[in-house]
Amino acid sequence: MLTAFSRAEVYTPRSPRKNQYYRCVEAHFEELEGTWEDRYQKEYGYWRPYVLDVIYKYLDCGDLHLGFARVKCDDCNHEYL
C-alpha cells in the first residue's frame, strides 16, 4: 500500500540562523531603526511601529524553545513537527 509519507522521513530543522537574510537582519536591524528618520523617512515615509513586531517575530521563528506544532495522522499515526 502506498502512503503519502515515508516512515524513513526525519524532521530536519530549517536552521534560520544560517540563512544570509536572517544574519543580515540580526546584525543590522537596530542600526536601520536608529537611522530611519534621518536617512530614509523623506523617501520612504515614517517608521511604522508594526515593523518592530514583525522583525522580532521573524528572528524568533524556527526556535523550537519558543514553541512548535506536532501534527499526527489519526489513521496511520504518522507524526511530524
C-alpha atoms as a PDB file:
ATOM      1  CA  MET A   1       0.000   0.000   0.000  1.00  0.00           C
ATOM      2  CA  LEU A   2       1.333   3.460  -0.899  1.00  0.00           C
ATOM      3  CA  THR A   3       1.141   6.241   1.641  1.00  0.00           C
ATOM      4  CA  ALA A   4       1.748   9.961   1.350  1.00  0.00           C
ATOM      5  CA  PHE A   5       4.574   9.836   3.888  1.00  0.00           C
ATOM      6  CA  SER A   6       7.554   7.568   4.176  1.00  0.00           C
ATOM      7  CA  ARG A   7       8.345   6.220   7.633  1.00  0.00           C
ATOM      8  CA  ALA A   8      12.001   6.995   6.906  1.00  0.00           C
ATOM      9  CA  GLU A   9      11.378  10.756   6.992  1.00  0.00           C
ATOM     10  CA  VAL A  10      13.127  12.528   9.833  1.00  0.00           C
ATOM     11  CA  TYR A  11      12.493  16.078  10.977  1.00  0.00           C
ATOM     12  CA  THR A  12      15.245  18.427   9.889  1.00  0.00           C
ATOM     13  CA  PRO A  13      15.151  21.880  11.443  1.00  0.00           C
ATOM     14  CA  ARG A  14      15.395  24.662   8.903  1.00  0.00           C
ATOM     15  CA  SER A  15      18.209  26.443  10.813  1.00  0.00           C
ATOM     16  CA  PRO A  16      17.188  30.033  10.061  1.00  0.00           C
ATOM     17  CA  ARG A  17      20.277  31.418  11.775  1.00  0.00           C
ATOM     18  CA  LYS A  18      22.399  30.025   8.936  1.00  0.00           C
ATOM     19  CA  ASN A  19      20.386  31.989   6.373  1.00  0.00           C
ATOM     20  CA  GLN A  20      22.155  35.097   4.998  1.00  0.00           C
ATOM     21  CA  TYR A  21      18.991  37.203   5.204  1.00  0.00           C
ATOM     22  CA  TYR A  22      18.494  36.248   8.852  1.00  0.00           C
ATOM     23  CA  ARG A  23      22.083  37.133   9.719  1.00  0.00           C
ATOM     24  CA  CYS A  24      21.800  40.468   7.901  1.00  0.00           C
ATOM     25  CA  VAL A  25      18.577  41.383   9.732  1.00  0.00           C
ATOM     26  CA  GLU A  26      20.017  40.296  13.072  1.00  0.00           C
ATOM     27  CA  ALA A  27      23.224  42.274  12.549  1.00  0.00           C
ATOM     28  CA  HIS A  28      21.803  45.495  11.080  1.00  0.00           C
ATOM     29  CA  PHE A  29      18.150  45.937  12.037  1.00  0.00           C
ATOM     30  CA  GLU A  30      18.770  48.066  15.123  1.00  0.00           C
ATOM     31  CA  GLU A  31      21.027  50.356  13.082  1.00  0.00           C
ATOM     32  CA  LEU A  32      18.319  50.674  10.410  1.00  0.00           C
ATOM     33  CA  GLU A  33      15.727  51.529  13.036  1.00  0.00           C
ATOM     34  CA  GLY A  34      18.013  54.110  14.635  1.00  0.00           C
ATOM     35  CA  THR A  35      18.864  55.897  11.384  1.00  0.00           C
ATOM     36  CA  TRP A  36      15.478  55.615   9.640  1.00  0.00           C
ATOM     37  CA  GLU A  37      14.211  59.110  10.382  1.00  0.00           C
ATOM     38  CA  ASP A  38      17.368  60.904   9.195  1.00  0.00           C
ATOM     39  CA  ARG A  39      18.266  58.716   6.223  1.00  0.00           C
ATOM     40  CA  TYR A  40      15.084  57.143   4.834  1.00  0.00           C
ATOM     41  CA  GLN A  41      11.939  58.867   6.099  1.00  0.00           C
ATOM     42  CA  LYS A  42      11.870  61.567   3.415  1.00  0.00           C
ATOM     43  CA  GLU A  43      11.905  58.980   0.615  1.00  0.00           C
ATOM     44  CA  TYR A  44      10.041  56.027   2.201  1.00  0.00           C
ATOM     45  CA  GLY A  45       7.805  57.596   4.841  1.00  0.00           C
ATOM     46  CA  TYR A  46       7.630  57.381   8.610  1.00  0.00           C
ATOM     47  CA  TRP A  47       8.787  54.367  10.633  1.00  0.00           C
ATOM     48  CA  ARG A  48       5.808  52.071  11.070  1.00  0.00           C
ATOM     49  CA  PRO A  49       5.614  50.662  14.607  1.00  0.00           C
ATOM     50  CA  TYR A  50       4.465  47.196  13.478  1.00  0.00           C
ATOM     51  CA  VAL A  51       7.828  46.665  11.732  1.00  0.00           C
ATOM     52  CA  LEU A  52       9.470  46.033  15.098  1.00  0.00           C
ATOM     53  CA  ASP A  53       6.938  43.294  15.933  1.00  0.00           C
ATOM     54  CA  VAL A  54       7.313  41.643  12.545  1.00  0.00           C
ATOM     55  CA  ILE A  55      11.114  41.617  12.657  1.00  0.00           C
ATOM     56  CA  TYR A  56      11.294  40.198  16.176  1.00  0.00           C
ATOM     57  CA  LYS A  57       8.756  37.507  15.285  1.00  0.00           C
ATOM     58  CA  TYR A  58      10.866  36.662  12.225  1.00  0.00           C
ATOM     59  CA  LEU A  59      14.017  36.399  14.354  1.00  0.00           C
ATOM     60  CA  ASP A  60      12.185  34.112  16.825  1.00  0.00           C
ATOM     61  CA  CYS A  61      10.756  31.885  14.077  1.00  0.00           C
ATOM     62  CA  GLY A  62      12.362  28.461  13.924  1.00  0.00           C
ATOM     63  CA  ASP A  63      13.477  28.497  17.558  1.00  0.00           C
ATOM     64  CA  LEU A  64      11.922  25.340  18.978  1.00  0.00           C
ATOM     65  CA  HIS A  65      12.416  26.690  22.507  1.00  0.00           C
ATOM     66  CA  LEU A  66       9.655  29.192  21.732  1.00  0.00           C
ATOM     67  CA  GLY A  67       7.148  26.548  20.676  1.00  0.00           C
ATOM     68  CA  PHE A  68       6.285  24.246  17.813  1.00  0.00           C
ATOM     69  CA  ALA A  69       3.389  22.260  16.422  1.00  0.00           C
ATOM     70  CA  ARG A  70       3.253  18.475  16.228  1.00  0.00           C
ATOM     71  CA  VAL A  71       0.895  17.041  13.629  1.00  0.00           C
ATOM     72  CA  LYS A  72      -0.315  13.439  13.853  1.00  0.00           C
ATOM     73  CA  CYS A  73      -2.453  11.443  11.456  1.00  0.00           C
ATOM     74  CA  ASP A  74      -5.119   9.518  13.400  1.00  0.00           C
ATOM     75  CA  ASP A  75      -5.284   6.842  10.697  1.00  0.00           C
ATOM     76  CA  CYS A  76      -1.619   5.881  10.328  1.00  0.00           C
ATOM     77  CA  ASN A  77      -0.079   7.575  13.410  1.00  0.00           C
ATOM     78  CA  HIS A  78       2.475   9.408  11.248  1.00  0.00           C
ATOM     79  CA  GLU A  79       3.806  12.460  13.113  1.00  0.00           C
ATOM     80  CA  TYR A  80       5.875  15.449  12.130  1.00  0.00           C
ATOM     81  CA  LEU A  81       6.827  18.846  13.548  1.00  0.00           C
END
